Structures are given as C-alpha cells and as structure tokens.
Protein backbone atom coordinates (compact mmCIF):
# COMPACT_ATOMS: atom_id res chain seq x y z
CA MET A 1 1.00 63.55 -17.92
CA PRO A 2 3.77 61.20 -18.79
CA LYS A 3 3.46 57.40 -18.22
CA PRO A 4 5.64 56.06 -15.42
CA SER A 5 8.34 53.82 -17.02
CA LYS A 6 8.05 50.23 -16.63
CA SER A 7 9.96 48.55 -14.16
CA ASN A 8 12.86 46.20 -15.50
CA VAL A 9 12.96 43.02 -13.55
CA VAL A 10 16.18 41.11 -13.48
CA VAL A 11 16.75 37.60 -11.73
CA VAL A 12 20.34 36.87 -11.40
CA ALA A 13 21.46 33.65 -9.93
CA VAL A 14 24.66 33.48 -7.96
CA ASP A 15 26.78 30.37 -6.53
CA TYR A 16 29.77 32.52 -5.30
CA SER A 17 31.91 31.18 -8.32
CA ASP A 18 33.66 33.39 -10.84
CA SER A 19 30.77 32.74 -13.36
CA GLY A 20 28.36 33.66 -10.61
CA ASN A 21 30.24 36.88 -9.84
CA LEU A 22 30.14 37.79 -13.48
CA ALA A 23 26.50 37.24 -13.70
CA LEU A 24 25.91 39.46 -11.03
CA GLU A 25 28.11 42.10 -12.48
CA ARG A 26 26.21 41.99 -15.80
CA ALA A 27 22.77 42.42 -13.86
CA LEU A 28 24.12 45.24 -11.98
CA GLU A 29 25.53 46.99 -15.04
CA MET A 30 21.74 46.77 -16.61
CA GLY A 31 20.75 48.98 -13.87
CA LEU A 32 23.18 51.69 -14.72
CA ASP A 33 21.57 51.58 -18.37
CA LYS A 34 18.20 51.50 -17.05
CA PRO A 35 17.68 53.07 -13.58
CA GLU A 36 14.17 51.62 -13.12
CA THR A 37 15.89 48.15 -12.95
CA THR A 38 15.04 45.87 -9.84
CA VAL A 39 17.54 43.17 -9.38
CA HIS A 40 16.70 40.13 -7.56
CA VAL A 41 19.50 37.81 -6.53
CA ILE A 42 18.92 34.26 -5.88
CA ASN A 43 21.22 31.44 -4.45
CA VAL A 44 19.70 27.97 -4.49
CA LEU A 45 21.31 25.40 -1.85
CA PRO A 46 20.55 21.87 -3.31
CA VAL A 47 18.65 20.12 -0.77
CA TYR A 48 21.25 17.42 -0.41
CA GLN A 49 23.69 20.24 0.59
CA VAL A 50 21.36 21.59 3.53
CA GLY A 51 21.43 21.00 7.14
CA ALA A 52 17.60 21.18 7.24
CA ALA A 53 15.34 19.23 9.20
CA PRO A 54 13.81 16.13 7.56
CA ASP A 55 10.59 16.47 9.58
CA ALA A 56 9.17 18.52 12.56
CA SER A 57 10.96 16.45 14.98
CA SER A 58 14.38 17.59 14.55
CA THR A 59 16.15 20.64 13.58
CA THR A 60 19.27 19.76 11.68
CA TRP A 61 20.93 16.95 9.98
CA ALA A 62 23.75 15.42 11.52
CA GLY A 63 27.24 16.68 10.09
CA SER A 64 28.44 20.25 9.04
CA LEU A 65 25.85 20.90 6.41
CA PRO A 66 24.79 24.35 6.34
CA THR A 67 21.26 25.52 7.63
CA ILE A 68 19.01 27.64 5.67
CA ALA A 69 19.76 30.47 8.19
CA ASP A 70 23.54 29.93 7.58
CA ALA A 71 23.11 30.09 3.75
CA SER A 72 20.96 33.29 4.06
CA GLU A 73 23.49 34.99 6.12
CA GLU A 74 26.25 33.87 3.47
CA LEU A 75 24.04 35.43 0.83
CA ARG A 76 23.48 38.63 2.67
CA ALA A 77 27.33 39.01 3.43
CA TYR A 78 28.23 38.17 -0.31
CA LEU A 79 25.69 40.60 -1.62
CA GLU A 80 27.00 43.41 0.66
CA GLN A 81 30.63 42.86 -0.61
CA ARG A 82 29.61 42.57 -4.27
CA LEU A 83 27.50 45.83 -4.00
CA ALA A 84 30.20 47.89 -2.16
CA ALA A 85 32.64 46.84 -4.84
CA PHE A 86 30.30 47.99 -7.44
CA ARG A 87 29.68 51.41 -5.93
CA ALA A 88 33.50 51.81 -5.66
CA SER A 89 34.15 50.86 -9.29
CA HIS A 90 31.09 53.23 -10.68
CA PRO A 91 31.65 56.40 -8.69
CA ASP A 92 29.93 58.43 -11.45
CA GLY A 93 26.89 56.28 -12.31
CA ASP A 94 23.38 56.61 -11.10
CA LEU A 95 23.37 53.87 -8.39
CA THR A 96 19.74 54.52 -7.17
CA PHE A 97 18.76 51.07 -8.35
CA LEU A 98 20.95 49.27 -5.79
CA GLU A 99 18.61 50.30 -3.03
CA ARG A 100 16.08 48.15 -4.86
CA VAL A 101 18.31 44.88 -5.00
CA ARG A 102 16.76 42.03 -3.06
CA ALA A 103 18.19 38.58 -2.13
CA HIS A 104 16.27 35.35 -2.11
CA GLN A 105 17.87 32.24 -0.55
CA ARG A 106 15.93 29.09 -2.04
CA VAL A 107 16.36 25.32 -1.35
CA GLU A 108 15.67 22.42 -3.75
CA VAL A 109 16.54 22.01 -7.47
CA PRO A 110 18.41 25.46 -8.71
CA ALA A 111 17.20 25.66 -11.99
CA GLU A 112 13.48 25.14 -11.05
CA GLN A 113 13.79 27.73 -8.24
CA ILE A 114 15.51 30.03 -10.50
CA ALA A 115 12.77 29.68 -13.10
CA GLN A 116 10.03 29.71 -10.50
CA LEU A 117 11.17 32.99 -8.90
CA ALA A 118 11.41 34.53 -12.57
CA ALA A 119 7.61 33.35 -12.95
CA ASP A 120 6.70 34.95 -9.41
CA LEU A 121 8.12 38.18 -10.33
CA GLU A 122 6.97 38.36 -13.92
CA ALA A 123 10.90 38.89 -14.65
CA ASP A 124 12.06 40.47 -17.82
CA LEU A 125 15.39 38.65 -17.84
CA VAL A 126 17.32 35.90 -16.00
CA VAL A 127 21.15 36.05 -15.81
CA VAL A 128 23.00 32.90 -15.04
CA GLY A 129 26.42 32.00 -15.40
CA THR A 130 28.22 28.80 -16.66
CA HIS A 131 31.67 27.37 -16.48
CA GLY A 132 31.46 25.99 -20.06
CA ARG A 133 33.35 22.91 -19.41
CA ARG A 134 32.95 19.55 -21.17
CA GLY A 135 32.25 16.13 -20.18
CA MET A 136 30.99 15.29 -16.75
CA SER A 137 31.94 18.88 -15.38
CA ARG A 138 29.70 20.18 -18.07
CA LEU A 139 26.89 17.99 -16.97
CA VAL A 140 27.01 18.97 -13.40
CA LEU A 141 27.91 22.64 -13.85
CA GLY A 142 26.21 23.70 -17.01
CA SER A 143 23.20 21.80 -16.54
CA VAL A 144 21.75 24.62 -14.26
CA ALA A 145 22.09 27.29 -16.96
CA GLU A 146 20.85 24.80 -19.71
CA THR A 147 17.68 23.57 -17.69
CA THR A 148 17.07 27.44 -16.54
CA MET A 149 16.78 28.24 -20.38
CA ARG A 150 14.23 25.53 -20.89
CA LEU A 151 12.14 26.64 -17.78
CA ALA A 152 12.31 30.19 -17.56
CA PRO A 153 9.24 32.28 -18.58
CA CYS A 154 11.47 35.02 -20.06
CA PRO A 155 14.80 35.42 -21.94
CA VAL A 156 17.84 34.02 -20.26
CA LEU A 157 21.17 35.48 -20.63
CA VAL A 158 23.97 33.04 -20.11
CA VAL A 159 27.53 34.61 -19.10
CA ARG A 160 30.92 33.03 -18.48
CA PRO A 161 34.34 34.14 -17.70
CA LYS A 162 36.31 34.96 -20.95
CA SER A 163 38.71 32.16 -21.58
CA LEU A 164 40.09 29.94 -24.51
CA PRO A 165 37.87 26.93 -24.80
CA ALA A 166 39.21 23.52 -23.55
CA PRO A 167 40.94 21.83 -26.35
CA VAL A 168 39.02 18.77 -27.69
CA PRO A 169 41.46 15.62 -27.43
CA ALA A 170 42.07 14.01 -30.76
CA ILE A 171 42.06 10.29 -31.03
CA GLN A 172 45.10 9.11 -32.85
CA PRO A 173 45.41 6.29 -35.26
CA PRO A 174 47.60 3.18 -34.13
CA CYS A 175 51.12 3.47 -34.55
CA PRO A 176 52.50 1.47 -37.41
CA ALA A 177 55.41 0.22 -35.58
CA CYS A 178 53.10 -1.12 -32.81
CA VAL A 179 50.92 -2.90 -35.28
CA ALA A 180 54.06 -4.34 -36.96
CA ALA A 181 55.30 -5.55 -33.52
CA ARG A 182 52.01 -7.24 -32.67
CA GLU A 183 51.87 -8.97 -35.86
CA ALA A 184 55.49 -10.16 -35.91
CA SER A 185 55.20 -11.42 -32.26
CA GLY A 186 51.79 -13.14 -32.63
CA GLY A 187 50.45 -10.68 -30.21
CA LYS A 188 52.90 -11.16 -27.39
CA GLN A 189 54.36 -7.78 -27.84
CA PHE A 190 51.80 -4.88 -27.91
CA TRP A 191 54.15 -1.78 -28.26
CA CYS A 192 57.05 -0.72 -30.41
CA ALA A 193 60.34 0.13 -28.83
CA GLN A 194 59.42 3.91 -28.57
CA HIS A 195 55.88 3.27 -26.98
CA SER A 196 57.18 0.40 -24.62
CA GLU A 197 58.86 3.31 -22.59
CA HIS A 198 55.27 5.37 -22.42
CA HIS A 199 52.97 2.37 -21.73
CA GLY A 200 55.40 0.29 -19.85
CA GLN A 201 54.40 -3.26 -18.56
CA ARG A 202 50.69 -3.37 -18.46
CA HIS A 203 48.39 -5.77 -16.68
CA THR A 204 46.49 -8.00 -18.90
CA TYR A 205 43.43 -9.90 -18.35
CA HIS A 206 42.45 -13.36 -19.93
CA GLN A 207 39.24 -15.14 -20.12
CA SER A 208 41.14 -18.39 -19.16
CA ASP A 209 42.35 -16.76 -16.06
CA ARG A 210 38.84 -16.81 -14.30
CA ALA A 211 38.88 -19.10 -11.12
CA GLY A 212 36.15 -21.54 -12.03
CA ALA A 213 33.41 -21.90 -14.64
CA ASP A 214 30.73 -21.81 -12.07
CA THR A 215 31.49 -18.42 -10.69
CA ASN A 216 33.69 -16.90 -13.38
CA MET A 217 35.28 -14.90 -10.38
CA PRO A 218 37.77 -13.40 -9.82
CA LEU A 219 39.91 -12.19 -12.54
CA VAL A 220 43.54 -13.08 -12.18
CA VAL A 221 45.79 -10.16 -12.89
CA HIS A 222 49.16 -11.02 -14.70
CA SER A 223 52.02 -8.50 -15.16
C-alpha cells in the first residue's frame, strides 16, 4: 500500500500591496505543482493600527482605526477576489488545493506573527513580499521580510515585483569654479555664476548671530 504523500504547508503573508499580491500568487502556483499543498494566508495588523480595546472596559479606540473584525472581513473579501482571479487564469490546472486555503488575521508585530504561524503549523515554506526600497522606506517596508527570514523555523521565499533597481545617488566632487569663487572672495561668494542660478540666495547661520551668551538661542537667519 503506497504511503500518503506528505502535505506541503505554505504560509504566505499579504498586506494588499503589489508585492503582497505577488507573494500570494507564488504560493498558489506551488499548489499547481503539488496538489497536496495547503496554503495559509496571513495578514498582520500592527497593534498601533488597530481599533482594539486596550482593556475589558471599552470596545474600541477613538478614531477610525479598523477593528479586528473589520480587518478579518477585509482579508476574507481580498482572498475571495484573488482566488477567483487565480481560478480564471488557470482554467486547466488542478485547483483542488484551493479548497484548503485558509486565512489568518493576526495583530501585533508582523514578522513575529508570520514566523509564529509557520512554527505552529510546522510549515515547509514561508512566502513574503518586499518592496526592495532603500533608505527609510527600506527600513519600514523591507524589515518585515528581513526579520521573518531571521525568525522563521523554515525556509523563506522573498519575492518582489520585477523592476529596475533604484539608482544610487552619486556624490559629486566640488565644482572647481565654485571653489575658486570662494577663495577669490574670501568666503563671501559660495557659488560660481552657473551654480548661483541653481542654489540661489541661501540662508546662512552664524555662531555670532546667537542672541545672548547665556541661552545661545535663537539663531538669527540672514538672507
């Protein structure tokens, strides 16, 4: 008697962005290759974005923050729409695994909740999206994927929409004409004729402009 095939458990995180949509698409495509796959879709609402009660004495925070029930309904509607689109785009595929797609609405720290669900379900794979941005945007948007990779008890597949990488700004050396202008004017003229048009008349702060030695405040701005 043949042994039953091992279930392939995939946890995929969605946040209703393009990268989240792509992550879900990749997870569902795995079900086409392995019909025994079970896909668990998780959305995590950070606690500071939730209209949840801080204690048992109240039901919601003031304002228009979504409740957990609202977030759960949004996830359900989103998933129904994405699964319908997936069925329409794969009319000849074995889609029986879609009956086992499960939704999980969580609250708290996104990466921790994603990793915890993967641990609870003994997942074989976690799929997350990333925006692949630099600087502060990367810290805010990419940290979920990066932290999930560190915390998850299984392999993590990170996907992002196909695009050209953002250009890295190059810091240029000082303009020789500007340097010459500053030297010739004893520091009174900062820019050459060409760059004066670009920089315009700038505000300059002087230490001697502070109003009083006791406070050293405020700074006086000279045009």
